[in-house]
């Protein structure tokens, strides 16, 4: 789950930050709230703790000396490293001045200097403060450093004056956040079936045949597709992962169970993405009792499992079909052969021996092979980012088929 740090500085508009928290939760973002000392005069930290279910950070050091330790002393570094975005809303003239001049005298300003995540500020203040040359110069400095500024609205202000300075709408701030994080809603109305994880074939009541798939790529695809508005059915082999919220999660174990589940759900899907590492073979007959060790060799007869991707390729009409190829050699050659043999629209291939692209990693390095001969090599990136690149191509293929 992507994580946003929301800094709330002291101003009347601080109460609107609660609305922003709820809006970001609709985007399935985890929100960590940081409040300045003055912000706590307008809204109690308990409000944000209740909304987020997380501790609200109110200072650099614990107020209870008994809780003070090394972890609390460097908490700003830990937060800085784990967030995907820092948002300050409302951002007062005071906080803008501190950010522009590198002053770090509380948790929020220290976090700004410590993080390498993108930063968004949504100013809110009196119109005269907004128009002051110092404020405008500070904003210019921040923009030059890459900070995104969500312009305040014009209208009646809390002080009774009329002019620019009112905190931008929750939707305007949320839109900027989604834009920076690459969150889209372009898959609304689409039904996407995704498979993930390994399948397991019983040898006897104790032993199984399986593979090293963690399911992370398939779960990242399900999460990304759901965030972009698709109705997602995730058919998953055994993993230790938690299914994303607001999707239909269907756990299976064997290749045959996955086969039946996909046939039940793929017929009316707009796209099927086969990210699971499906077993190609299973024991011809699983032993009813544990196979005992003996001195001689043990011969295990295997039979092929159902070729789910090929079957979907034969039966598909306008739906987009995506397969995966985890290879250890001749990646491009094997991927092109699989693309032609299975009737897929795209094969996502990777060399699992490559650093950052193997099993149970949080990153991947893949190449997309398409039926028109196009090959798109992606650099190493997070599996969530890879998922979005795959979904971009699925959407393009879907539009091309219409």
Protein backbone atom coordinates (compact mmCIF):
# COMPACT_ATOMS: atom_id res chain seq x y z
CA UNK A 1 0.00 0.00 0.00
CA UNK A 2 1.32 3.44 -0.90
CA UNK A 3 1.93 5.74 2.05
CA UNK A 4 1.34 9.49 2.29
CA UNK A 5 2.57 11.73 5.10
CA UNK A 6 0.05 14.51 5.67
CA UNK A 7 1.45 17.55 7.45
CA UNK A 8 -1.14 19.78 9.11
CA UNK A 9 0.06 23.25 10.07
CA UNK A 10 -1.68 25.82 12.23
CA UNK A 11 -4.61 27.62 10.67
CA UNK A 12 -8.39 27.65 10.63
CA UNK A 13 -8.35 25.37 7.59
CA UNK A 14 -6.73 22.60 9.65
CA UNK A 15 -10.13 20.97 10.12
CA UNK A 16 -10.36 20.39 6.37
CA UNK A 17 -7.39 18.03 6.59
CA UNK A 18 -9.77 15.49 8.11
CA UNK A 19 -11.80 15.51 4.90
CA UNK A 20 -8.58 15.03 2.93
CA UNK A 21 -7.67 11.98 5.02
CA UNK A 22 -10.99 10.35 4.15
CA UNK A 23 -10.55 11.21 0.48
CA UNK A 24 -7.08 9.68 0.37
CA UNK A 25 -8.37 6.54 2.06
CA UNK A 26 -10.83 6.21 -0.83
CA UNK A 27 -7.74 6.01 -3.05
CA UNK A 28 -6.50 3.17 -0.83
CA UNK A 29 -3.61 5.20 0.49
CA UNK A 30 -2.20 4.81 3.99
CA UNK A 31 -2.02 8.21 5.70
CA UNK A 32 0.44 9.21 8.42
CA UNK A 33 -0.55 12.55 9.97
CA UNK A 34 2.02 14.98 11.39
CA UNK A 35 0.73 18.04 13.25
CA UNK A 36 2.56 21.20 14.20
CA UNK A 37 2.17 22.61 17.69
CA UNK A 38 -0.17 25.38 16.52
CA UNK A 39 -2.27 22.99 14.42
CA UNK A 40 -3.18 21.19 17.64
CA UNK A 41 -4.85 24.38 18.86
CA UNK A 42 -7.39 24.05 16.03
CA UNK A 43 -7.89 20.25 15.79
CA UNK A 44 -7.13 17.57 18.39
CA UNK A 45 -4.67 14.84 17.32
CA UNK A 46 -7.26 12.29 18.45
CA UNK A 47 -9.42 13.25 15.46
CA UNK A 48 -6.76 12.12 12.99
CA UNK A 49 -5.80 9.10 15.08
CA UNK A 50 -9.42 7.92 14.94
CA UNK A 51 -9.60 8.47 11.18
CA UNK A 52 -6.30 6.83 10.26
CA UNK A 53 -6.01 4.23 12.99
CA UNK A 54 -2.38 5.31 13.40
CA UNK A 55 -0.33 7.35 15.83
CA UNK A 56 -0.37 11.08 15.07
CA UNK A 57 3.10 12.59 15.29
CA UNK A 58 3.05 15.87 17.20
CA UNK A 59 6.71 16.55 17.92
CA UNK A 60 10.31 15.51 17.43
CA UNK A 61 10.50 13.91 20.86
CA UNK A 62 8.11 12.01 23.05
CA UNK A 63 6.36 14.17 25.66
CA UNK A 64 6.59 11.25 28.04
CA UNK A 65 10.26 10.96 28.95
CA UNK A 66 9.70 7.33 29.83
CA UNK A 67 8.91 6.63 26.18
CA UNK A 68 12.02 8.41 24.86
CA UNK A 69 14.48 6.11 23.10
CA UNK A 70 16.68 5.99 20.01
CA UNK A 71 13.73 5.02 17.83
CA UNK A 72 11.70 8.06 18.84
CA UNK A 73 14.72 10.34 18.45
CA UNK A 74 15.18 9.40 14.78
CA UNK A 75 11.53 8.77 13.93
CA UNK A 76 11.60 11.52 11.30
CA UNK A 77 14.22 9.53 9.38
CA UNK A 78 12.12 6.36 9.50
CA UNK A 79 9.02 8.21 8.29
CA UNK A 80 11.06 9.97 5.59
CA UNK A 81 12.25 6.65 4.19
CA UNK A 82 8.93 4.82 4.11
CA UNK A 83 6.61 7.46 2.59
CA UNK A 84 5.81 7.81 -1.09
CA UNK A 85 4.68 11.43 -0.81
CA UNK A 86 4.71 14.34 1.65
CA UNK A 87 1.65 16.61 1.57
CA UNK A 88 1.26 19.72 3.71
CA UNK A 89 -2.35 20.94 3.85
CA UNK A 90 -2.98 23.51 5.03
CA UNK A 91 0.45 25.09 4.57
CA UNK A 92 0.66 28.41 6.40
CA UNK A 93 2.90 31.33 5.42
CA UNK A 94 5.12 30.40 8.37
CA UNK A 95 5.61 26.80 7.26
CA UNK A 96 6.29 27.87 3.67
CA UNK A 97 8.97 30.26 4.88
CA UNK A 98 10.62 27.53 6.96
CA UNK A 99 10.58 25.05 4.07
CA UNK A 100 12.02 27.60 1.64
CA UNK A 101 14.84 28.53 3.99
CA UNK A 102 15.66 25.07 5.29
CA UNK A 103 14.63 25.74 8.88
CA UNK A 104 14.02 22.45 10.71
CA UNK A 105 12.69 23.24 14.17
CA UNK A 106 9.91 20.64 14.45
CA UNK A 107 9.01 17.20 13.12
CA UNK A 108 7.30 18.41 9.93
CA UNK A 109 10.05 20.76 8.77
CA UNK A 110 12.70 18.18 9.67
CA UNK A 111 10.80 15.54 7.71
CA UNK A 112 10.76 17.84 4.67
CA UNK A 113 14.56 18.01 4.69
CA UNK A 114 14.97 14.29 5.40
CA UNK A 115 12.70 12.81 2.72
CA UNK A 116 13.43 12.23 -0.95
CA UNK A 117 9.74 11.65 -1.68
CA UNK A 118 7.82 14.19 -3.80
CA UNK A 119 6.32 17.11 -1.89
CA UNK A 120 2.98 18.90 -2.36
CA UNK A 121 1.94 22.01 -0.43
CA UNK A 122 -1.57 23.48 -0.31
CA UNK A 123 -1.28 27.01 1.10
CA UNK A 124 -4.01 28.66 3.17
CA UNK A 125 -3.74 32.13 4.71
CA UNK A 126 -5.00 35.70 4.71
CA UNK A 127 -5.02 37.34 1.25
CA UNK A 128 -2.48 39.97 2.28
CA UNK A 129 -0.14 37.28 3.58
CA UNK A 130 -0.60 35.32 0.35
CA UNK A 131 0.20 38.34 -1.82
CA UNK A 132 3.18 39.48 0.26
CA UNK A 133 6.46 39.49 -1.66
CA UNK A 134 8.12 37.26 0.94
CA UNK A 135 5.46 34.54 0.57
CA UNK A 136 5.59 34.69 -3.21
CA UNK A 137 9.39 34.49 -3.16
CA UNK A 138 9.24 31.49 -0.85
CA UNK A 139 6.78 29.77 -3.20
CA UNK A 140 9.04 30.50 -6.14
CA UNK A 141 11.98 28.89 -4.33
CA UNK A 142 9.92 25.82 -3.46
CA UNK A 143 8.65 25.40 -7.02
CA UNK A 144 12.22 25.66 -8.29
CA UNK A 145 13.08 22.70 -6.05
CA UNK A 146 10.27 20.60 -7.49
CA UNK A 147 7.66 21.17 -4.81
CA UNK A 148 4.16 21.14 -6.29
CA UNK A 149 1.93 23.98 -5.11
CA UNK A 150 -1.85 23.57 -5.14
CA UNK A 151 -3.09 27.12 -5.60
CA UNK A 152 -5.49 28.40 -2.92
CA UNK A 153 -9.02 29.39 -3.92
CA UNK A 154 -10.45 32.89 -4.04
CA UNK A 155 -13.45 33.87 -1.90
CA UNK A 156 -14.51 34.76 1.61
CA UNK A 157 -11.77 34.08 4.13
CA UNK A 158 -12.06 33.25 7.82
CA UNK A 159 -10.77 36.72 8.70
CA UNK A 160 -13.73 38.29 6.90
CA UNK A 161 -11.74 39.53 3.93
CA UNK A 162 -12.32 38.51 0.31
CA UNK A 163 -9.51 37.33 -1.93
CA UNK A 164 -7.07 34.49 -2.64
CA UNK A 165 -5.95 32.41 0.31
CA UNK A 166 -8.68 29.89 1.02
CA UNK A 167 -7.45 26.29 1.11
CA UNK A 168 -8.03 24.56 -2.22
CA UNK A 169 -10.87 22.05 -2.36
CA UNK A 170 -10.32 18.52 -1.12
CA UNK A 171 -10.82 17.25 -4.67
CA UNK A 172 -8.20 19.64 -6.08
CA UNK A 173 -5.63 18.50 -3.52
CA UNK A 174 -6.54 14.84 -3.99
CA UNK A 175 -6.25 15.26 -7.76
CA UNK A 176 -2.72 16.63 -7.40
CA UNK A 177 -1.81 13.74 -5.10
CA UNK A 178 -3.17 11.15 -7.55
CA UNK A 179 -1.30 12.83 -10.39
CA UNK A 180 2.03 12.78 -8.55
CA UNK A 181 1.56 9.15 -7.45
CA UNK A 182 0.37 8.06 -10.90
CA UNK A 183 -3.05 6.98 -9.67
CA UNK A 184 -5.68 6.86 -12.41
CA UNK A 185 -9.33 5.88 -12.80
CA UNK A 186 -9.15 4.79 -16.42
CA UNK A 187 -10.23 1.17 -15.89
CA UNK A 188 -13.70 1.91 -14.56
CA UNK A 189 -16.31 -0.39 -16.06
CA UNK A 190 -13.74 -3.10 -16.84
CA UNK A 191 -13.77 -6.56 -15.31
CA UNK A 192 -10.28 -8.00 -14.96
CA UNK A 193 -9.43 -11.52 -13.80
CA UNK A 194 -5.90 -11.92 -12.39
CA UNK A 195 -4.14 -15.06 -11.19
CA UNK A 196 -1.31 -15.02 -8.66
CA UNK A 197 1.01 -17.22 -6.66
CA UNK A 198 2.00 -20.85 -7.12
CA UNK A 199 -0.13 -23.93 -7.46
CA UNK A 200 0.48 -27.02 -5.34
CA UNK A 201 0.26 -30.67 -6.46
CA UNK A 202 0.15 -33.44 -3.85
CA UNK A 203 2.66 -36.26 -4.04
CA UNK A 204 1.39 -37.89 -0.84
CA UNK A 205 -0.28 -36.56 2.34
CA UNK A 206 3.05 -34.98 3.37
CA UNK A 207 4.90 -33.96 0.22
CA UNK A 208 3.98 -31.64 -2.63
CA UNK A 209 5.27 -30.33 -5.94
CA UNK A 210 5.21 -26.53 -6.16
CA UNK A 211 7.41 -23.57 -7.09
CA UNK A 212 8.97 -20.49 -5.51
CA UNK A 213 6.38 -17.91 -6.60
CA UNK A 214 5.49 -15.47 -3.82
CA UNK A 215 2.46 -14.03 -5.64
CA UNK A 216 3.74 -10.45 -5.25
CA UNK A 217 3.45 -9.60 -8.95
CA UNK A 218 -0.12 -10.84 -9.23
CA UNK A 219 -1.18 -9.09 -6.03
CA UNK A 220 0.45 -5.86 -7.23
CA UNK A 221 -1.55 -6.15 -10.46
CA UNK A 222 -4.78 -6.68 -8.51
CA UNK A 223 -4.04 -3.71 -6.27
CA UNK A 224 -3.15 -1.42 -9.18
CA UNK A 225 -6.17 -2.45 -11.28
CA UNK A 226 -8.54 -1.94 -8.36
CA UNK A 227 -7.07 1.51 -7.65
CA UNK A 228 -7.69 2.43 -11.29
CA UNK A 229 -11.36 1.52 -11.02
CA UNK A 230 -11.54 -2.02 -12.41
CA UNK A 231 -13.69 -4.75 -10.90
CA UNK A 232 -11.00 -7.28 -10.03
CA UNK A 233 -11.25 -11.00 -9.39
CA UNK A 234 -8.00 -12.34 -7.95
CA UNK A 235 -7.58 -16.10 -8.16
CA UNK A 236 -4.66 -16.94 -5.93
CA UNK A 237 -2.64 -19.98 -5.10
CA UNK A 238 -1.25 -20.30 -1.55
CA UNK A 239 0.69 -17.19 -0.48
CA UNK A 240 1.39 -15.26 2.69
CA UNK A 241 0.04 -12.06 1.14
CA UNK A 242 -3.05 -10.19 2.21
CA UNK A 243 -5.58 -9.63 -0.55
CA UNK A 244 -6.22 -5.96 -1.39
CA UNK A 245 -9.53 -4.57 -0.20
CA UNK A 246 -12.52 -4.21 -2.50
CA UNK A 247 -11.62 -7.07 -4.80
CA UNK A 248 -13.11 -10.53 -5.23
CA UNK A 249 -10.49 -12.88 -3.79
CA UNK A 250 -10.73 -16.56 -4.60
CA UNK A 251 -8.11 -18.85 -3.00
CA UNK A 252 -7.22 -22.08 -4.78
CA UNK A 253 -4.54 -24.71 -4.28
CA UNK A 254 -4.01 -26.99 -7.25
CA UNK A 255 -3.72 -26.25 -10.95
CA UNK A 256 -7.05 -27.98 -11.54
CA UNK A 257 -8.76 -25.78 -8.96
CA UNK A 258 -7.29 -22.71 -10.64
CA UNK A 259 -8.37 -24.05 -14.03
CA UNK A 260 -11.99 -24.42 -12.93
CA UNK A 261 -12.03 -21.02 -11.21
CA UNK A 262 -10.70 -19.22 -14.27
CA UNK A 263 -13.21 -20.87 -16.60
CA UNK A 264 -15.98 -19.74 -14.26
CA UNK A 265 -14.86 -16.11 -14.17
CA UNK A 266 -13.08 -15.40 -17.46
CA UNK A 267 -16.05 -15.65 -19.82
CA UNK A 268 -17.35 -12.12 -19.24
CA UNK A 269 -14.00 -10.52 -18.35
CA UNK A 270 -12.56 -7.71 -20.43
CA UNK A 271 -9.04 -8.89 -19.61
CA UNK A 272 -7.39 -11.95 -18.08
CA UNK A 273 -3.87 -11.63 -16.68
CA UNK A 274 -2.21 -14.94 -15.89
CA UNK A 275 0.50 -13.91 -13.43
CA UNK A 276 0.35 -17.18 -11.45
CA UNK A 277 3.18 -19.69 -11.67
CA UNK A 278 1.07 -22.69 -12.59
CA UNK A 279 2.51 -26.18 -12.19
CA UNK A 280 3.11 -27.77 -15.58
CA UNK A 281 3.10 -31.32 -14.18
CA UNK A 282 1.48 -33.24 -11.33
CA UNK A 283 1.87 -36.79 -10.02
CA UNK A 284 -0.12 -39.22 -12.15
CA UNK A 285 -1.50 -40.62 -8.90
CA UNK A 286 -0.97 -39.13 -5.47
CA UNK A 287 -0.13 -41.74 -2.85
CA UNK A 288 -2.82 -42.26 -0.22
CA UNK A 289 -0.19 -42.79 2.51
CA UNK A 290 3.21 -41.20 3.09
CA UNK A 291 5.83 -42.68 0.78
CA UNK A 292 8.48 -44.34 2.96
CA UNK A 293 12.19 -43.90 2.39
CA UNK A 294 13.97 -46.88 0.82
CA UNK A 295 17.51 -47.66 -0.26
CA UNK A 296 16.76 -47.61 -3.97
CA UNK A 297 15.72 -44.82 -6.31
CA UNK A 298 12.17 -43.55 -6.26
CA UNK A 299 10.49 -43.17 -9.62
CA UNK A 300 7.69 -40.60 -9.68
CA UNK A 301 5.44 -40.59 -12.72
CA UNK A 302 4.21 -37.13 -13.72
CA UNK A 303 1.48 -36.08 -16.11
CA UNK A 304 0.87 -32.66 -17.66
CA UNK A 305 -1.63 -30.32 -16.06
CA UNK A 306 -4.19 -28.34 -18.01
CA UNK A 307 -2.64 -25.63 -20.22
CA UNK A 308 -4.88 -22.85 -18.94
CA UNK A 309 -3.32 -20.03 -20.95
CA UNK A 310 -3.57 -21.95 -24.23
CA UNK A 311 -7.18 -22.88 -23.54
CA UNK A 312 -8.06 -19.25 -22.85
CA UNK A 313 -6.24 -18.26 -26.03
CA UNK A 314 -8.32 -20.64 -28.10
CA UNK A 315 -11.62 -19.51 -26.62
CA UNK A 316 -11.13 -15.76 -26.22
CA UNK A 317 -12.90 -13.22 -28.40
CA UNK A 318 -12.44 -9.51 -27.75
CA UNK A 319 -10.93 -9.88 -24.28
CA UNK A 320 -7.26 -9.09 -23.72
CA UNK A 321 -5.18 -12.08 -22.63
CA UNK A 322 -1.83 -11.62 -20.88
CA UNK A 323 0.56 -14.40 -19.96
CA UNK A 324 3.80 -14.44 -17.99
CA UNK A 325 7.06 -16.20 -18.76
CA UNK A 326 9.57 -16.62 -15.94
CA UNK A 327 12.73 -17.78 -17.71
CA UNK A 328 16.32 -18.64 -16.84
CA UNK A 329 17.75 -18.53 -20.39
CA UNK A 330 16.89 -17.37 -23.92
CA UNK A 331 14.22 -15.11 -22.49
CA UNK A 332 13.22 -13.31 -25.69
CA UNK A 333 13.17 -16.48 -27.79
CA UNK A 334 11.07 -18.39 -25.27
CA UNK A 335 8.70 -15.46 -24.77
CA UNK A 336 8.06 -15.06 -28.52
CA UNK A 337 7.44 -18.80 -28.83
CA UNK A 338 4.99 -18.74 -25.93
CA UNK A 339 3.19 -15.70 -27.35
CA UNK A 340 2.58 -17.50 -30.65
CA UNK A 341 1.72 -20.89 -29.15
CA UNK A 342 -0.74 -19.71 -26.50
CA UNK A 343 -2.76 -17.20 -28.52
CA UNK A 344 -2.07 -14.45 -25.97
CA UNK A 345 -2.07 -10.74 -26.76
CA UNK A 346 0.97 -10.08 -24.59
CA UNK A 347 3.62 -12.00 -22.71
CA UNK A 348 5.40 -10.45 -19.75
CA UNK A 349 8.81 -12.09 -19.58
CA UNK A 350 11.68 -11.87 -17.17
CA UNK A 351 14.93 -13.60 -16.32
CA UNK A 352 14.41 -14.80 -12.76
CA UNK A 353 18.16 -15.19 -12.28
CA UNK A 354 18.65 -11.44 -12.78
CA UNK A 355 19.15 -9.31 -9.66
CA UNK A 356 15.93 -7.56 -8.66
CA UNK A 357 13.77 -9.77 -10.88
CA UNK A 358 13.71 -13.10 -9.09
CA UNK A 359 11.26 -14.74 -6.74
CA UNK A 360 9.95 -13.00 -3.63
CA UNK A 361 11.47 -9.61 -4.55
CA UNK A 362 9.66 -6.28 -4.34
CA UNK A 363 11.04 -5.21 -7.73
CA UNK A 364 10.97 -6.69 -11.21
CA UNK A 365 12.72 -6.29 -14.55
CA UNK A 366 10.46 -7.36 -17.43
CA UNK A 367 10.01 -7.08 -21.17
CA UNK A 368 6.55 -6.90 -22.72
CA UNK A 369 6.18 -8.92 -25.94
CA UNK A 370 3.15 -8.06 -28.09
CA UNK A 371 1.52 -9.81 -31.02
CA UNK A 372 2.33 -6.94 -33.38
CA UNK A 373 6.03 -7.60 -32.81
CA UNK A 374 6.56 -4.73 -30.39
CA UNK A 375 8.91 -5.39 -27.50
CA UNK A 376 8.97 -2.99 -24.54
CA UNK A 377 11.86 -3.45 -22.11
CA UNK A 378 11.21 -1.92 -18.68
CA UNK A 379 13.99 -1.02 -16.25
CA UNK A 380 14.05 -2.33 -12.70
CA UNK A 381 11.12 -0.84 -10.81
CA UNK A 382 8.71 -1.76 -8.06
CA UNK A 383 6.20 -4.47 -8.88
CA UNK A 384 3.41 -1.94 -8.37
CA UNK A 385 4.96 0.30 -11.04
CA UNK A 386 5.45 -2.71 -13.34
CA UNK A 387 1.78 -3.57 -12.77
CA UNK A 388 0.69 -0.12 -13.90
CA UNK A 389 2.83 -0.32 -17.03
CA UNK A 390 1.24 -3.68 -17.86
CA UNK A 391 -2.23 -2.23 -17.25
CA UNK A 392 -1.44 0.75 -19.48
CA UNK A 393 -0.77 -1.68 -22.31
CA UNK A 394 -3.86 -3.77 -21.49
CA UNK A 395 -5.98 -0.63 -21.75
CA UNK A 396 -4.38 0.29 -25.09
CA UNK A 397 -5.00 -3.22 -26.43
CA UNK A 398 -8.59 -3.10 -25.20
CA UNK A 399 -9.24 0.21 -26.95
CA UNK A 400 -7.63 -1.11 -30.13
CA UNK A 401 -9.98 -4.12 -30.13
CA UNK A 402 -13.12 -2.01 -29.85
